[in-house]
Protein backbone atom coordinates (compact mmCIF):
# COMPACT_ATOMS: atom_id res chain seq x y z
CA UNK A 1 -15.24 -63.08 14.52
CA UNK A 2 -17.00 -59.81 12.97
CA UNK A 3 -15.82 -56.63 14.50
CA UNK A 4 -18.69 -56.43 17.21
CA UNK A 5 -16.32 -54.73 19.57
CA UNK A 6 -15.53 -51.85 17.06
CA UNK A 7 -14.69 -48.62 19.16
CA UNK A 8 -17.49 -45.84 19.33
CA UNK A 9 -17.20 -43.65 16.30
CA UNK A 10 -18.47 -40.29 15.26
CA UNK A 11 -20.60 -41.83 12.34
CA UNK A 12 -22.77 -44.81 11.61
CA UNK A 13 -25.12 -46.15 9.03
CA UNK A 14 -27.73 -48.73 10.00
CA UNK A 15 -29.08 -50.41 7.17
CA UNK A 16 -31.88 -53.23 7.17
CA UNK A 17 -33.02 -55.04 4.12
CA UNK A 18 -35.31 -57.96 2.97
CA UNK A 19 -34.00 -60.62 0.44
CA UNK A 20 -36.22 -60.80 -2.46
CA UNK A 21 -37.49 -64.20 -3.85
CA UNK A 22 -34.45 -65.45 -5.95
CA UNK A 23 -31.98 -63.21 -4.31
CA UNK A 24 -30.61 -65.74 -1.86
CA UNK A 25 -27.43 -66.54 -3.86
CA UNK A 26 -26.69 -62.91 -4.34
CA UNK A 27 -27.10 -62.29 -0.60
CA UNK A 28 -24.87 -65.34 0.45
CA UNK A 29 -22.10 -63.99 -1.87
CA UNK A 30 -22.11 -60.37 -0.50
CA UNK A 31 -22.24 -61.68 3.15
CA UNK A 32 -19.17 -63.73 2.24
CA UNK A 33 -17.28 -60.72 0.66
CA UNK A 34 -18.41 -57.95 3.16
CA UNK A 35 -15.29 -57.91 5.10
CA UNK A 36 -13.40 -57.73 1.82
CA UNK A 37 -15.40 -54.59 0.92
CA UNK A 38 -14.73 -53.29 4.46
CA UNK A 39 -10.98 -53.73 3.76
CA UNK A 40 -11.25 -51.89 0.30
CA UNK A 41 -12.88 -48.91 1.65
CA UNK A 42 -11.09 -48.67 4.97
CA UNK A 43 -7.75 -48.83 3.20
CA UNK A 44 -8.23 -45.38 1.79
CA UNK A 45 -8.22 -43.78 5.40
CA UNK A 46 -6.11 -45.76 7.63
CA UNK A 47 -7.30 -43.65 10.70
CA UNK A 48 -10.97 -43.89 9.80
CA UNK A 49 -11.82 -46.85 11.93
CA UNK A 50 -14.29 -48.22 9.48
CA UNK A 51 -16.01 -51.52 10.34
CA UNK A 52 -19.03 -53.44 9.23
CA UNK A 53 -21.02 -55.95 11.06
CA UNK A 54 -23.62 -58.03 9.33
CA UNK A 55 -26.50 -59.90 10.79
CA UNK A 56 -29.00 -62.44 9.64
CA UNK A 57 -32.77 -62.84 10.92
CA UNK A 58 -34.39 -66.01 11.55
CA UNK A 59 -36.43 -66.19 8.47
CA UNK A 60 -33.44 -65.16 6.30
CA UNK A 61 -31.30 -67.78 7.87
CA UNK A 62 -33.59 -70.65 6.65
CA UNK A 63 -33.59 -69.43 3.34
CA UNK A 64 -29.82 -68.57 3.18
CA UNK A 65 -28.22 -71.35 5.37
CA UNK A 66 -30.96 -73.96 6.18
CA UNK A 67 -30.37 -76.10 9.30
CA UNK A 68 -29.09 -75.96 11.66
CA UNK A 69 -30.19 -72.46 12.92
CA UNK A 70 -28.43 -70.74 15.95
CA UNK A 71 -30.37 -72.05 18.98
CA UNK A 72 -31.76 -68.62 20.14
CA UNK A 73 -32.17 -67.11 16.70
CA UNK A 74 -36.10 -66.19 16.50
CA UNK A 75 -38.46 -63.51 15.76
CA UNK A 76 -38.18 -60.65 18.16
CA UNK A 77 -41.23 -60.74 20.60
CA UNK A 78 -43.60 -57.80 20.93
CA UNK A 79 -43.83 -56.50 24.69
CA UNK A 80 -47.10 -54.97 25.37
CA UNK A 81 -47.62 -53.09 28.75
CA UNK A 82 -50.63 -51.37 29.86
CA UNK A 83 -49.68 -48.06 28.21
CA UNK A 84 -46.82 -48.90 25.63
CA UNK A 85 -45.96 -51.48 23.44
CA UNK A 86 -42.77 -52.59 21.41
CA UNK A 87 -43.01 -53.24 17.68
CA UNK A 88 -41.50 -56.17 15.53
CA UNK A 89 -40.76 -55.15 11.76
CA UNK A 90 -39.35 -56.76 8.69
CA UNK A 91 -35.78 -57.25 8.29
CA UNK A 92 -33.56 -60.10 6.92
CA UNK A 93 -30.11 -58.60 6.84
CA UNK A 94 -28.43 -55.90 9.06
CA UNK A 95 -25.49 -53.82 8.25
CA UNK A 96 -24.02 -51.81 11.02
CA UNK A 97 -21.45 -49.58 9.53
CA UNK A 98 -19.21 -47.41 11.76
CA UNK A 99 -16.44 -44.91 11.03
CA UNK A 100 -14.93 -41.70 12.21
CA UNK A 101 -16.02 -40.17 8.91
CA UNK A 102 -19.48 -40.48 7.21
CA UNK A 103 -17.89 -40.50 3.76
CA UNK A 104 -16.47 -43.91 4.74
CA UNK A 105 -19.82 -45.17 5.78
CA UNK A 106 -21.55 -43.84 2.79
CA UNK A 107 -18.99 -45.42 0.47
CA UNK A 108 -19.29 -48.88 2.01
CA UNK A 109 -22.98 -48.90 2.17
CA UNK A 110 -22.94 -47.91 -1.53
CA UNK A 111 -20.68 -50.72 -2.38
CA UNK A 112 -22.94 -53.25 -0.37
CA UNK A 113 -26.41 -52.05 -2.31
CA UNK A 114 -24.48 -52.23 -5.47
CA UNK A 115 -23.53 -55.90 -5.02
CA UNK A 116 -27.24 -56.52 -3.75
CA UNK A 117 -28.74 -54.82 -6.51
CA UNK A 118 -32.17 -56.64 -7.61
CA UNK A 119 -31.67 -59.10 -4.66
CA UNK A 120 -32.98 -57.08 -1.73
CA UNK A 121 -35.57 -54.22 -0.82
CA UNK A 122 -34.43 -51.81 1.77
CA UNK A 123 -36.68 -51.55 4.82
CA UNK A 124 -34.72 -48.90 6.69
CA UNK A 125 -31.62 -46.75 6.44
CA UNK A 126 -30.38 -44.51 9.22
CA UNK A 127 -27.30 -42.33 9.31
CA UNK A 128 -26.25 -41.83 12.86
CA UNK A 129 -23.80 -39.20 14.34
CA UNK A 130 -21.88 -38.46 17.36
CA UNK A 131 -23.62 -35.91 19.38
CA UNK A 132 -21.01 -33.77 21.53
CA UNK A 133 -19.68 -35.99 24.33
CA UNK A 134 -21.64 -39.13 23.46
CA UNK A 135 -25.10 -37.80 24.25
CA UNK A 136 -28.35 -38.71 22.85
CA UNK A 137 -30.48 -35.98 21.63
CA UNK A 138 -32.38 -36.23 24.85
CA UNK A 139 -29.11 -34.64 26.34
CA UNK A 140 -27.90 -37.74 28.30
CA UNK A 141 -24.54 -39.37 27.89
CA UNK A 142 -25.33 -43.08 26.18
CA UNK A 143 -23.57 -46.27 26.69
CA UNK A 144 -21.92 -45.52 30.08
CA UNK A 145 -22.27 -49.22 31.28
CA UNK A 146 -20.84 -50.75 28.31
CA UNK A 147 -18.50 -53.65 29.33
CA UNK A 148 -14.98 -53.39 28.17
CA UNK A 149 -12.03 -55.99 27.36
CA UNK A 150 -12.49 -59.56 28.81
CA UNK A 151 -16.01 -58.58 30.30
CA UNK A 152 -17.36 -57.40 26.71
CA UNK A 153 -16.22 -60.66 25.28
CA UNK A 154 -17.95 -62.73 27.82
CA UNK A 155 -21.15 -60.59 27.65
CA UNK A 156 -21.50 -60.78 23.69
CA UNK A 157 -20.01 -63.82 22.26
CA UNK A 158 -21.93 -67.17 22.07
CA UNK A 159 -19.81 -69.91 23.76
CA UNK A 160 -22.50 -72.76 24.25
CA UNK A 161 -23.75 -73.46 20.90
CA UNK A 162 -21.73 -75.71 18.90
CA UNK A 163 -21.27 -74.43 15.32
CA UNK A 164 -22.09 -70.97 16.23
CA UNK A 165 -19.66 -70.27 18.98
CA UNK A 166 -17.95 -67.00 18.54
CA UNK A 167 -20.93 -65.17 17.01
CA UNK A 168 -23.39 -62.76 18.60
CA UNK A 169 -26.97 -61.74 18.68
CA UNK A 170 -28.01 -58.14 18.10
CA UNK A 171 -31.34 -56.34 18.57
CA UNK A 172 -32.05 -53.22 16.95
CA UNK A 173 -34.75 -50.63 17.57
CA UNK A 174 -35.40 -47.07 16.01
CA UNK A 175 -36.92 -44.79 18.53
CA UNK A 176 -38.58 -41.50 17.51
CA UNK A 177 -38.61 -38.60 20.38
CA UNK A 178 -41.16 -36.19 21.43
CA UNK A 179 -38.58 -33.48 21.91
CA UNK A 180 -41.31 -30.79 22.75
CA UNK A 181 -42.64 -32.76 25.61
CA UNK A 182 -39.28 -33.83 26.77
CA UNK A 183 -37.76 -30.37 26.71
CA UNK A 184 -40.96 -29.12 28.59
CA UNK A 185 -39.74 -31.34 31.64
CA UNK A 186 -37.54 -29.62 34.28
CA UNK A 187 -34.04 -30.85 34.40
CA UNK A 188 -34.59 -32.85 37.65
CA UNK A 189 -37.59 -34.68 36.15
CA UNK A 190 -35.45 -35.73 33.17
CA UNK A 191 -32.90 -37.09 35.58
CA UNK A 192 -35.49 -39.09 37.38
CA UNK A 193 -36.72 -40.64 34.20
CA UNK A 194 -33.30 -41.58 32.98
CA UNK A 195 -31.69 -42.41 36.32
CA UNK A 196 -28.53 -39.98 35.99
CA UNK A 197 -27.60 -36.62 36.26
CA UNK A 198 -27.81 -34.59 33.10
CA UNK A 199 -24.42 -32.56 33.34
CA UNK A 200 -22.20 -34.98 35.22
CA UNK A 201 -23.65 -38.33 34.02
CA UNK A 202 -23.33 -39.67 37.59
CA UNK A 203 -25.96 -42.40 38.47
CA UNK A 204 -28.68 -41.10 40.96
CA UNK A 205 -27.99 -42.43 44.52
CA UNK A 206 -30.09 -45.29 45.95
CA UNK A 207 -33.15 -43.89 47.42
CA UNK A 208 -33.23 -41.08 45.07
CA UNK A 209 -33.35 -43.03 41.67
CA UNK A 210 -36.75 -43.88 40.85
CA UNK A 211 -37.52 -47.71 40.16
CA UNK A 212 -39.23 -46.79 36.95
CA UNK A 213 -36.32 -44.94 35.73
CA UNK A 214 -34.40 -46.20 32.47
CA UNK A 215 -31.24 -47.18 34.35
CA UNK A 216 -33.37 -49.06 37.01
CA UNK A 217 -35.25 -51.03 34.61
CA UNK A 218 -32.56 -52.06 32.21
CA UNK A 219 -30.29 -53.46 34.99
CA UNK A 220 -31.00 -57.24 35.05
CA UNK A 221 -29.37 -60.02 36.94
CA UNK A 222 -28.94 -63.86 36.89
CA UNK A 223 -30.24 -66.20 39.33
CA UNK A 224 -27.13 -65.52 41.47
CA UNK A 225 -27.54 -61.70 41.41
CA UNK A 226 -24.65 -61.06 39.03
CA UNK A 227 -25.55 -58.00 36.56
CA UNK A 228 -25.95 -59.28 32.98
CA UNK A 229 -24.36 -56.98 30.54
CA UNK A 230 -24.99 -56.17 26.76
CA UNK A 231 -22.71 -54.06 24.59
CA UNK A 232 -24.63 -50.86 23.08
CA UNK A 233 -23.64 -48.72 20.30
CA UNK A 234 -26.65 -46.50 20.03
CA UNK A 235 -26.46 -43.43 17.83
CA UNK A 236 -28.43 -40.25 17.67
CA UNK A 237 -30.14 -39.43 14.35
CA UNK A 238 -32.46 -36.83 13.06
CA UNK A 239 -34.03 -34.42 10.43
CA UNK A 240 -34.81 -31.07 12.07
CA UNK A 241 -36.37 -29.69 8.87
CA UNK A 242 -39.13 -32.41 9.30
CA UNK A 243 -39.23 -32.49 13.09
CA UNK A 244 -37.57 -35.94 13.35
CA UNK A 245 -35.37 -36.49 16.31
CA UNK A 246 -34.37 -40.17 17.45
CA UNK A 247 -32.15 -42.78 18.96
CA UNK A 248 -31.14 -45.90 17.04
CA UNK A 249 -30.73 -48.63 19.72
CA UNK A 250 -28.44 -51.50 18.84
CA UNK A 251 -27.59 -53.92 21.50
CA UNK A 252 -25.19 -56.97 21.25
CA UNK A 253 -25.51 -59.98 23.65
CA UNK A 254 -24.33 -63.77 23.73
CA UNK A 255 -28.05 -64.36 24.42
CA UNK A 256 -31.02 -62.22 23.13
CA UNK A 257 -33.03 -63.14 26.20
CA UNK A 258 -30.83 -60.59 28.05
CA UNK A 259 -32.00 -57.94 25.92
CA UNK A 260 -35.44 -59.14 25.89
CA UNK A 261 -35.86 -59.01 29.72
CA UNK A 262 -34.57 -55.21 29.46
CA UNK A 263 -37.40 -54.61 26.99
CA UNK A 264 -39.95 -56.62 29.02
CA UNK A 265 -38.96 -54.45 32.19
CA UNK A 266 -39.26 -51.18 29.83
CA UNK A 267 -42.50 -51.81 28.13
CA UNK A 268 -44.39 -54.05 30.59
CA UNK A 269 -42.83 -52.94 33.89
CA UNK A 270 -41.06 -54.55 36.85
CA UNK A 271 -43.49 -55.18 38.37
CA UNK A 272 -45.99 -55.06 35.66
CA UNK A 273 -47.34 -51.51 35.40
CA UNK A 274 -44.17 -50.06 36.51
CA UNK A 275 -42.94 -49.16 32.96
CA UNK A 276 -39.99 -46.95 31.83
CA UNK A 277 -40.73 -43.36 32.04
CA UNK A 278 -38.76 -42.58 29.09
CA UNK A 279 -41.42 -44.21 27.05
CA UNK A 280 -43.87 -41.39 27.38
CA UNK A 281 -41.43 -39.56 25.29
CA UNK A 282 -39.83 -42.27 22.97
CA UNK A 283 -41.77 -44.28 20.49
CA UNK A 284 -40.22 -47.53 18.82
CA UNK A 285 -41.02 -47.77 15.27
CA UNK A 286 -38.91 -50.77 14.35
CA UNK A 287 -37.44 -53.92 16.04
CA UNK A 288 -35.58 -56.88 14.68
CA UNK A 289 -33.37 -59.53 16.10
CA UNK A 290 -30.41 -60.81 14.09
CA UNK A 291 -27.55 -63.28 14.67
CA UNK A 292 -23.96 -62.32 13.86
CA UNK A 293 -22.13 -65.16 12.31
CA UNK A 294 -18.38 -65.23 12.55
CA UNK A 295 -16.39 -64.42 9.45
CA UNK A 296 -15.19 -68.01 9.04
CA UNK A 297 -18.93 -69.09 8.74
CA UNK A 298 -19.84 -66.62 6.21
CA UNK A 299 -16.59 -67.23 3.94
CA UNK A 300 -16.89 -70.94 4.10
CA UNK A 301 -17.19 -72.58 0.76
């Protein structure tokens, strides 16, 4: 498998590209060699925790690998509520590069783009950073509910799709925040929007936590009432000189339907109209669904 379970790091690069017509062979060759490039750069800093996860979208899969396609690999739906709407944007390949140092991420991203020169067009590149004790720029700790150990494997690795077991699905979204509006809220109002205490990170008690808080709407269950987990590795990013402040959402799951249910709850509401209060201050500007193949699949002849 690819290193979906890489530990949370201090730096990350999220790189999304489309494959140009005629660039398919180059793209396949790079995907087959991406773990080799990761080892080449990572060996220069043994404590750097460098990792790279590569994903392929539905349209790119058909061009690069043909049939069969992973069972749930599709275009990400648009979720439209009465007030807010998600977006679906272009993207054929995703590279999620993580390390304890940005120079390692930078070097690996540079080598990847060198190998893909002329074969792809960059759609988006975001450099993320660790913000204090794992907080987003809104001031709240992110990724608190991430599964660990065996629970993480069960939540993220495909196990019921012959030929594609051991892979994972990942959805990425880039959100921009209205920091002036958010900071104008009282701390208690911010906590009610998120569903957690800002300082302690403790989830608000039942009866106190609003049903339109982010925490409440992103907790989904199966038919037996068991909570369905995903693995988040969100990172803050920004350019203060340009007034840009954001969160890069990235969620891995064994089925994209789990993340899609969370997004439907957020944008449409559960029940409809009861949308995620955080969307009044956070606007999605990208959205793509990818399948993360196993290393064995990518390196096959």
